[in-house]
Amino acid sequence: AEGQANNTRIQGTAADLVKLAMSEVHRTLEPDMKLILSVHDELVVLAPEAKAERCKEIVVKGMEGINPLKVKLVAEAEIGQNWAEAK
């Protein structure tokens, strides 16, 4: 029960951070970029191939920029034609 209680706080905090990141990323995406999916601590964004690198920058900045805990957050992003390719 003690382990479960500790894990709940960690997972809950992580879920809150992802929701904040989703909001920030959605707010800063360009009109032809769409946030389409969130899976655990990952965001999937659909963007034109020509803007893939720009989209990657926006996502990383948005995910690292939300920081209510005042700790360093590190985000990584990959580009692919589908989610499996980008993993």
PDB file of N, CA and C in Angstrom:
ATOM      1  N   ALA A   1       0.828  -1.193   0.000  1.00  0.00           N
ATOM      2  CA  ALA A   1       0.000   0.000   0.000  1.00  0.00           C
ATOM      3  C   ALA A   1       0.872   1.256   0.000  1.00  0.00           C
ATOM      4  N   GLU A   2       2.005   1.201   0.711  1.00  0.00           N
ATOM      5  CA  GLU A   2       2.888   2.367   0.752  1.00  0.00           C
ATOM      6  C   GLU A   2       3.464   2.663  -0.639  1.00  0.00           C
ATOM      7  N   GLY A   3       3.903   1.625  -1.322  1.00  0.00           N
ATOM      8  CA  GLY A   3       4.429   1.791  -2.679  1.00  0.00           C
ATOM      9  C   GLY A   3       3.376   2.332  -3.625  1.00  0.00           C
ATOM     10  N   GLN A   4       2.162   1.839  -3.479  1.00  0.00           N
ATOM     11  CA  GLN A   4       1.063   2.299  -4.315  1.00  0.00           C
ATOM     12  C   GLN A   4       0.769   3.776  -4.052  1.00  0.00           C
ATOM     13  N   ALA A   5       0.820   4.185  -2.794  1.00  0.00           N
ATOM     14  CA  ALA A   5       0.571   5.587  -2.440  1.00  0.00           C
ATOM     15  C   ALA A   5       1.647   6.494  -3.046  1.00  0.00           C
ATOM     16  N   ASN A   6       2.906   6.080  -2.974  1.00  0.00           N
ATOM     17  CA  ASN A   6       3.982   6.873  -3.570  1.00  0.00           C
ATOM     18  C   ASN A   6       3.852   6.933  -5.084  1.00  0.00           C
ATOM     19  N   ASN A   7       3.545   5.802  -5.696  1.00  0.00           N
ATOM     20  CA  ASN A   7       3.410   5.751  -7.144  1.00  0.00           C
ATOM     21  C   ASN A   7       2.257   6.627  -7.634  1.00  0.00           C
ATOM     22  N   THR A   8       1.172   6.670  -6.892  1.00  0.00           N
ATOM     23  CA  THR A   8       0.020   7.476  -7.272  1.00  0.00           C
ATOM     24  C   THR A   8       0.394   8.945  -7.359  1.00  0.00           C
ATOM     25  N   ARG A   9       1.175   9.431  -6.413  1.00  0.00           N
ATOM     26  CA  ARG A   9       1.611  10.838  -6.451  1.00  0.00           C
ATOM     27  C   ARG A   9       2.475  11.109  -7.671  1.00  0.00           C
ATOM     28  N   ILE A  10       3.381  10.210  -7.960  1.00  0.00           N
ATOM     29  CA  ILE A  10       4.289  10.392  -9.104  1.00  0.00           C
ATOM     30  C   ILE A  10       3.506  10.363 -10.413  1.00  0.00           C
ATOM     31  N   GLN A  11       2.660   9.365 -10.572  1.00  0.00           N
ATOM     32  CA  GLN A  11       1.886   9.262 -11.806  1.00  0.00           C
ATOM     33  C   GLN A  11       0.899  10.418 -11.952  1.00  0.00           C
ATOM     34  N   GLY A  12       0.305  10.835 -10.866  1.00  0.00           N
ATOM     35  CA  GLY A  12      -0.629  11.961 -10.910  1.00  0.00           C
ATOM     36  C   GLY A  12       0.061  13.247 -11.311  1.00  0.00           C
ATOM     37  N   THR A  13       1.251  13.469 -10.760  1.00  0.00           N
ATOM     38  CA  THR A  13       2.020  14.665 -11.106  1.00  0.00           C
ATOM     39  C   THR A  13       2.429  14.617 -12.571  1.00  0.00           C
ATOM     40  N   ALA A  14       2.875  13.473 -13.032  1.00  0.00           N
ATOM     41  CA  ALA A  14       3.261  13.328 -14.442  1.00  0.00           C
ATOM     42  C   ALA A  14       2.072  13.585 -15.356  1.00  0.00           C
ATOM     43  N   ALA A  15       0.909  13.085 -14.998  1.00  0.00           N
ATOM     44  CA  ALA A  15      -0.293  13.300 -15.802  1.00  0.00           C
ATOM     45  C   ALA A  15      -0.647  14.784 -15.848  1.00  0.00           C
ATOM     46  N   ASP A  16      -0.518  15.455 -14.722  1.00  0.00           N
ATOM     47  CA  ASP A  16      -0.789  16.902 -14.684  1.00  0.00           C
ATOM     48  C   ASP A  16       0.188  17.667 -15.566  1.00  0.00           C
ATOM     49  N   LEU A  17       1.456  17.290 -15.535  1.00  0.00           N
ATOM     50  CA  LEU A  17       2.466  17.954 -16.369  1.00  0.00           C
ATOM     51  C   LEU A  17       2.174  17.757 -17.856  1.00  0.00           C
ATOM     52  N   VAL A  18       1.765  16.551 -18.230  1.00  0.00           N
ATOM     53  CA  VAL A  18       1.445  16.295 -19.636  1.00  0.00           C
ATOM     54  C   VAL A  18       0.248  17.125 -20.064  1.00  0.00           C
ATOM     55  N   LYS A  19      -0.751  17.260 -19.211  1.00  0.00           N
ATOM     56  CA  LYS A  19      -1.921  18.086 -19.550  1.00  0.00           C
ATOM     57  C   LYS A  19      -1.521  19.545 -19.733  1.00  0.00           C
ATOM     58  N   LEU A  20      -0.669  20.046 -18.863  1.00  0.00           N
ATOM     59  CA  LEU A  20      -0.178  21.420 -19.013  1.00  0.00           C
ATOM     60  C   LEU A  20       0.619  21.565 -20.308  1.00  0.00           C
ATOM     61  N   ALA A  21       1.452  20.575 -20.612  1.00  0.00           N
ATOM     62  CA  ALA A  21       2.242  20.606 -21.843  1.00  0.00           C
ATOM     63  C   ALA A  21       1.331  20.564 -23.071  1.00  0.00           C
ATOM     64  N   MET A  22       0.305  19.728 -23.032  1.00  0.00           N
ATOM     65  CA  MET A  22      -0.642  19.655 -24.152  1.00  0.00           C
ATOM     66  C   MET A  22      -1.274  21.004 -24.408  1.00  0.00           C
ATOM     67  N   SER A  23      -1.674  21.676 -23.363  1.00  0.00           N
ATOM     68  CA  SER A  23      -2.289  22.990 -23.495  1.00  0.00           C
ATOM     69  C   SER A  23      -1.313  23.992 -24.117  1.00  0.00           C
ATOM     70  N   GLU A  24      -0.075  23.986 -23.636  1.00  0.00           N
ATOM     71  CA  GLU A  24       0.937  24.913 -24.150  1.00  0.00           C
ATOM     72  C   GLU A  24       1.289  24.599 -25.604  1.00  0.00           C
ATOM     73  N   VAL A  25       1.478  23.333 -25.921  1.00  0.00           N
ATOM     74  CA  VAL A  25       1.815  22.947 -27.295  1.00  0.00           C
ATOM     75  C   VAL A  25       0.662  23.317 -28.227  1.00  0.00           C
ATOM     76  N   HIS A  26      -0.557  22.994 -27.835  1.00  0.00           N
ATOM     77  CA  HIS A  26      -1.723  23.316 -28.662  1.00  0.00           C
ATOM     78  C   HIS A  26      -1.812  24.818 -28.917  1.00  0.00           C
ATOM     79  N   ARG A  27      -1.549  25.603 -27.891  1.00  0.00           N
ATOM     80  CA  ARG A  27      -1.627  27.060 -28.002  1.00  0.00           C
ATOM     81  C   ARG A  27      -0.593  27.627 -28.968  1.00  0.00           C
ATOM     82  N   THR A  28       0.568  26.992 -29.064  1.00  0.00           N
ATOM     83  CA  THR A  28       1.659  27.554 -29.852  1.00  0.00           C
ATOM     84  C   THR A  28       1.844  26.897 -31.225  1.00  0.00           C
ATOM     85  N   LEU A  29       1.111  25.832 -31.511  1.00  0.00           N
ATOM     86  CA  LEU A  29       1.225  25.206 -32.833  1.00  0.00           C
ATOM     87  C   LEU A  29       0.718  26.150 -33.917  1.00  0.00           C
ATOM     88  N   GLU A  30       1.298  26.027 -35.085  1.00  0.00           N
ATOM     89  CA  GLU A  30       0.849  26.804 -36.232  1.00  0.00           C
ATOM     90  C   GLU A  30      -0.452  26.209 -36.761  1.00  0.00           C
ATOM     91  N   PRO A  31      -1.242  26.989 -37.517  1.00  0.00           N
ATOM     92  CA  PRO A  31      -2.571  26.522 -37.949  1.00  0.00           C
ATOM     93  C   PRO A  31      -2.588  25.194 -38.701  1.00  0.00           C
ATOM     94  N   ASP A  32      -1.517  24.858 -39.424  1.00  0.00           N
ATOM     95  CA  ASP A  32      -1.523  23.611 -40.179  1.00  0.00           C
ATOM     96  C   ASP A  32      -0.879  22.447 -39.416  1.00  0.00           C
ATOM     97  N   MET A  33      -0.687  22.635 -38.109  1.00  0.00           N
ATOM     98  CA  MET A  33      -0.173  21.581 -37.239  1.00  0.00           C
ATOM     99  C   MET A  33      -1.269  21.204 -36.249  1.00  0.00           C
ATOM    100  N   LYS A  34      -1.469  19.920 -36.038  1.00  0.00           N
ATOM    101  CA  LYS A  34      -2.557  19.469 -35.169  1.00  0.00           C
ATOM    102  C   LYS A  34      -2.053  18.484 -34.109  1.00  0.00           C
ATOM    103  N   LEU A  35      -2.357  18.778 -32.867  1.00  0.00           N
ATOM    104  CA  LEU A  35      -2.097  17.849 -31.769  1.00  0.00           C
ATOM    105  C   LEU A  35      -3.200  16.804 -31.840  1.00  0.00           C
ATOM    106  N   ILE A  36      -2.827  15.552 -32.116  1.00  0.00           N
ATOM    107  CA  ILE A  36      -3.871  14.554 -32.367  1.00  0.00           C
ATOM    108  C   ILE A  36      -3.968  13.468 -31.310  1.00  0.00           C
ATOM    109  N   LEU A  37      -2.922  13.301 -30.479  1.00  0.00           N
ATOM    110  CA  LEU A  37      -2.961  12.166 -29.563  1.00  0.00           C
ATOM    111  C   LEU A  37      -1.982  12.365 -28.423  1.00  0.00           C
ATOM    112  N   SER A  38      -2.370  11.895 -27.267  1.00  0.00           N
ATOM    113  CA  SER A  38      -1.483  11.848 -26.106  1.00  0.00           C
ATOM    114  C   SER A  38      -1.482  10.414 -25.599  1.00  0.00           C
ATOM    115  N   VAL A  39      -0.289   9.857 -25.413  1.00  0.00           N
ATOM    116  CA  VAL A  39      -0.158   8.508 -24.873  1.00  0.00           C
ATOM    117  C   VAL A  39       0.860   8.579 -23.740  1.00  0.00           C
ATOM    118  N   HIS A  40       0.382   8.412 -22.523  1.00  0.00           N
ATOM    119  CA  HIS A  40       1.222   8.512 -21.323  1.00  0.00           C
ATOM    120  C   HIS A  40       1.960   9.849 -21.311  1.00  0.00           C
ATOM    121  N   ASP A  41       3.258   9.835 -21.561  1.00  0.00           N
ATOM    122  CA  ASP A  41       4.025  11.087 -21.529  1.00  0.00           C
ATOM    123  C   ASP A  41       4.451  11.522 -22.934  1.00  0.00           C
ATOM    124  N   GLU A  42       3.727  11.076 -23.941  1.00  0.00           N
ATOM    125  CA  GLU A  42       4.057  11.411 -25.323  1.00  0.00           C
ATOM    126  C   GLU A  42       2.909  12.173 -25.969  1.00  0.00           C
ATOM    127  N   LEU A  43       3.289  13.092 -26.862  1.00  0.00           N
ATOM    128  CA  LEU A  43       2.308  13.807 -27.664  1.00  0.00           C
ATOM    129  C   LEU A  43       2.571  13.474 -29.121  1.00  0.00           C
ATOM    130  N   VAL A  44       1.517  13.252 -29.877  1.00  0.00           N
ATOM    131  CA  VAL A  44       1.623  12.990 -31.301  1.00  0.00           C
ATOM    132  C   VAL A  44       1.015  14.181 -32.020  1.00  0.00           C
ATOM    133  N   VAL A  45       1.808  14.765 -32.915  1.00  0.00           N
ATOM    134  CA  VAL A  45       1.372  15.963 -33.641  1.00  0.00           C
ATOM    135  C   VAL A  45       1.461  15.683 -35.133  1.00  0.00           C
ATOM    136  N   LEU A  46       0.445  16.096 -35.859  1.00  0.00           N
ATOM    137  CA  LEU A  46       0.412  15.957 -37.307  1.00  0.00           C
ATOM    138  C   LEU A  46       0.807  17.296 -37.909  1.00  0.00           C
ATOM    139  N   ALA A  47       1.805  17.275 -38.802  1.00  0.00           N
ATOM    140  CA  ALA A  47       2.282  18.512 -39.421  1.00  0.00           C
ATOM    141  C   ALA A  47       2.744  18.214 -40.838  1.00  0.00           C
ATOM    142  N   PRO A  48       2.722  19.234 -41.703  1.00  0.00           N
ATOM    143  CA  PRO A  48       3.259  19.037 -43.049  1.00  0.00           C
ATOM    144  C   PRO A  48       4.743  18.665 -42.968  1.00  0.00           C
ATOM    145  N   GLU A  49       5.183  17.804 -43.854  1.00  0.00           N
ATOM    146  CA  GLU A  49       6.575  17.350 -43.832  1.00  0.00           C
ATOM    147  C   GLU A  49       7.555  18.518 -43.881  1.00  0.00           C
ATOM    148  N   ALA A  50       7.217  19.543 -44.630  1.00  0.00           N
ATOM    149  CA  ALA A  50       8.100  20.706 -44.763  1.00  0.00           C
ATOM    150  C   ALA A  50       8.265  21.468 -43.446  1.00  0.00           C
ATOM    151  N   LYS A  51       7.336  21.272 -42.529  1.00  0.00           N
ATOM    152  CA  LYS A  51       7.382  21.981 -41.251  1.00  0.00           C
ATOM    153  C   LYS A  51       7.695  21.052 -40.082  1.00  0.00           C
ATOM    154  N   ALA A  52       8.147  19.849 -40.358  1.00  0.00           N
ATOM    155  CA  ALA A  52       8.379  18.859 -39.309  1.00  0.00           C
ATOM    156  C   ALA A  52       9.394  19.347 -38.277  1.00  0.00           C
ATOM    157  N   GLU A  53      10.498  19.909 -38.716  1.00  0.00           N
ATOM    158  CA  GLU A  53      11.519  20.381 -37.773  1.00  0.00           C
ATOM    159  C   GLU A  53      10.991  21.522 -36.917  1.00  0.00           C
ATOM    160  N   ARG A  54      10.249  22.446 -37.529  1.00  0.00           N
ATOM    161  CA  ARG A  54       9.661  23.562 -36.776  1.00  0.00           C
ATOM    162  C   ARG A  54       8.675  23.023 -35.739  1.00  0.00           C
ATOM    163  N   CYS A  55       7.877  22.063 -36.127  1.00  0.00           N
ATOM    164  CA  CYS A  55       6.911  21.455 -35.212  1.00  0.00           C
ATOM    165  C   CYS A  55       7.636  20.786 -34.048  1.00  0.00           C
ATOM    166  N   LYS A  56       8.716  20.092 -34.344  1.00  0.00           N
ATOM    167  CA  LYS A  56       9.513  19.435 -33.311  1.00  0.00           C
ATOM    168  C   LYS A  56      10.012  20.454 -32.294  1.00  0.00           C
ATOM    169  N   GLU A  57      10.489  21.598 -32.763  1.00  0.00           N
ATOM    170  CA  GLU A  57      10.960  22.665 -31.866  1.00  0.00           C
ATOM    171  C   GLU A  57       9.835  23.176 -30.966  1.00  0.00           C
ATOM    172  N   ILE A  58       8.656  23.366 -31.550  1.00  0.00           N
ATOM    173  CA  ILE A  58       7.503  23.863 -30.785  1.00  0.00           C
ATOM    174  C   ILE A  58       7.125  22.871 -29.688  1.00  0.00           C
ATOM    175  N   VAL A  59       7.094  21.583 -30.031  1.00  0.00           N
ATOM    176  CA  VAL A  59       6.705  20.556 -29.061  1.00  0.00           C
ATOM    177  C   VAL A  59       7.712  20.481 -27.916  1.00  0.00           C
ATOM    178  N   VAL A  60       9.000  20.440 -28.243  1.00  0.00           N
ATOM    179  CA  VAL A  60      10.022  20.351 -27.194  1.00  0.00           C
ATOM    180  C   VAL A  60       9.968  21.587 -26.303  1.00  0.00           C
ATOM    181  N   LYS A  61       9.885  22.761 -26.897  1.00  0.00           N
ATOM    182  CA  LYS A  61       9.823  23.997 -26.107  1.00  0.00           C
ATOM    183  C   LYS A  61       8.582  24.009 -25.217  1.00  0.00           C
ATOM    184  N   GLY A  62       7.450  23.581 -25.755  1.00  0.00           N
ATOM    185  CA  GLY A  62       6.217  23.549 -24.978  1.00  0.00           C
ATOM    186  C   GLY A  62       6.270  22.567 -23.832  1.00  0.00           C
ATOM    187  N   MET A  63       6.865  21.414 -24.070  1.00  0.00           N
ATOM    188  CA  MET A  63       6.926  20.388 -23.025  1.00  0.00           C
ATOM    189  C   MET A  63       7.953  20.743 -21.952  1.00  0.00           C
ATOM    190  N   GLU A  64       9.064  21.343 -22.350  1.00  0.00           N
ATOM    191  CA  GLU A  64      10.070  21.718 -21.366  1.00  0.00           C
ATOM    192  C   GLU A  64       9.721  23.028 -20.664  1.00  0.00           C
ATOM    193  N   GLY A  65       8.909  23.852 -21.304  1.00  0.00           N
ATOM    194  CA  GLY A  65       8.602  25.184 -20.774  1.00  0.00           C
ATOM    195  C   GLY A  65       7.625  25.206 -19.616  1.00  0.00           C
ATOM    196  N   ILE A  66       6.770  24.204 -19.529  1.00  0.00           N
ATOM    197  CA  ILE A  66       5.842  24.165 -18.401  1.00  0.00           C
ATOM    198  C   ILE A  66       6.614  23.629 -17.212  1.00  0.00           C
ATOM    199  N   ASN A  67       6.688  24.408 -16.184  1.00  0.00           N
ATOM    200  CA  ASN A  67       7.563  23.983 -15.090  1.00  0.00           C
ATOM    201  C   ASN A  67       7.084  24.482 -13.735  1.00  0.00           C
ATOM    202  N   PRO A  68       5.905  24.073 -13.303  1.00  0.00           N
ATOM    203  CA  PRO A  68       5.428  24.522 -11.997  1.00  0.00           C
ATOM    204  C   PRO A  68       6.243  23.950 -10.833  1.00  0.00           C
ATOM    205  N   LEU A  69       6.986  22.887 -11.083  1.00  0.00           N
ATOM    206  CA  LEU A  69       7.765  22.245 -10.018  1.00  0.00           C
ATOM    207  C   LEU A  69       9.146  22.862  -9.848  1.00  0.00           C
ATOM    208  N   LYS A  70       9.535  23.725 -10.782  1.00  0.00           N
ATOM    209  CA  LYS A  70      10.851  24.380 -10.742  1.00  0.00           C
ATOM    210  C   LYS A  70      11.992  23.370 -10.781  1.00  0.00           C
ATOM    211  N   VAL A  71      11.803  22.310 -11.526  1.00  0.00           N
ATOM    212  CA  VAL A  71      12.868  21.344 -11.772  1.00  0.00           C
ATOM    213  C   VAL A  71      13.102  21.306 -13.277  1.00  0.00           C
ATOM    214  N   LYS A  72      14.266  20.878 -13.676  1.00  0.00           N
ATOM    215  CA  LYS A  72      14.563  20.821 -15.102  1.00  0.00           C
ATOM    216  C   LYS A  72      13.793  19.679 -15.746  1.00  0.00           C
ATOM    217  N   LEU A  73      13.018  20.008 -16.746  1.00  0.00           N
ATOM    218  CA  LEU A  73      12.292  19.006 -17.515  1.00  0.00           C
ATOM    219  C   LEU A  73      12.977  18.866 -18.870  1.00  0.00           C
ATOM    220  N   VAL A  74      13.181  17.647 -19.299  1.00  0.00           N
ATOM    221  CA  VAL A  74      13.838  17.394 -20.581  1.00  0.00           C
ATOM    222  C   VAL A  74      12.861  16.631 -21.474  1.00  0.00           C
ATOM    223  N   ALA A  75      12.658  17.153 -22.680  1.00  0.00           N
ATOM    224  CA  ALA A  75      11.774  16.500 -23.642  1.00  0.00           C
ATOM    225  C   ALA A  75      12.575  16.150 -24.889  1.00  0.00           C
ATOM    226  N   GLU A  76      12.235  15.039 -25.480  1.00  0.00           N
ATOM    227  CA  GLU A  76      12.836  14.611 -26.736  1.00  0.00           C
ATOM    228  C   GLU A  76      11.721  14.455 -27.754  1.00  0.00           C
ATOM    229  N   ALA A  77      12.021  14.749 -29.004  1.00  0.00           N
ATOM    230  CA  ALA A  77      11.025  14.602 -30.060  1.00  0.00           C
ATOM    231  C   ALA A  77      11.656  13.899 -31.251  1.00  0.00           C
ATOM    232  N   GLU A  78      10.870  13.120 -31.921  1.00  0.00           N
ATOM    233  CA  GLU A  78      11.306  12.410 -33.123  1.00  0.00           C
ATOM    234  C   GLU A  78      10.297  12.666 -34.228  1.00  0.00           C
ATOM    235  N   ILE A  79      10.754  12.521 -35.456  1.00  0.00           N
ATOM    236  CA  ILE A  79       9.912  12.748 -36.626  1.00  0.00           C
ATOM    237  C   ILE A  79       9.759  11.428 -37.374  1.00  0.00           C
ATOM    238  N   GLY A  80       8.544  11.141 -37.822  1.00  0.00           N
ATOM    239  CA  GLY A  80       8.304   9.936 -38.599  1.00  0.00           C
ATOM    240  C   GLY A  80       6.995  10.038 -39.348  1.00  0.00           C
ATOM    241  N   GLN A  81       6.809   9.164 -40.295  1.00  0.00           N
ATOM    242  CA  GLN A  81       5.564   9.138 -41.069  1.00  0.00           C
ATOM    243  C   GLN A  81       4.406   8.584 -40.243  1.00  0.00           C
ATOM    244  N   ASN A  82       4.743   7.865 -39.160  1.00  0.00           N
ATOM    245  CA  ASN A  82       3.720   7.336 -38.258  1.00  0.00           C
ATOM    246  C   ASN A  82       4.343   7.230 -36.861  1.00  0.00           C
ATOM    247  N   TRP A  83       3.530   6.901 -35.898  1.00  0.00           N
ATOM    248  CA  TRP A  83       4.002   6.869 -34.504  1.00  0.00           C
ATOM    249  C   TRP A  83       5.099   5.830 -34.312  1.00  0.00           C
ATOM    250  N   ALA A  84       4.957   4.676 -34.928  1.00  0.00           N
ATOM    251  CA  ALA A  84       5.960   3.625 -34.778  1.00  0.00           C
ATOM    252  C   ALA A  84       7.324   4.066 -35.317  1.00  0.00           C
ATOM    253  N   GLU A  85       7.325   4.787 -36.430  1.00  0.00           N
ATOM    254  CA  GLU A  85       8.568   5.290 -37.021  1.00  0.00           C
ATOM    255  C   GLU A  85       9.248   6.311 -36.118  1.00  0.00           C
ATOM    256  N   ALA A  86       8.449   7.086 -35.424  1.00  0.00           N
ATOM    257  CA  ALA A  86       8.984   8.164 -34.607  1.00  0.00           C
ATOM    258  C   ALA A  86       9.485   7.678 -33.247  1.00  0.00           C
ATOM    259  N   LYS A  87       9.181   6.475 -32.853  1.00  0.00           N
ATOM    260  CA  LYS A  87       9.590   5.955 -31.549  1.00  0.00           C
ATOM    261  C   LYS A  87      11.037   5.537 -31.537  1.00  0.00           C
TER     262      LYS A  87
END
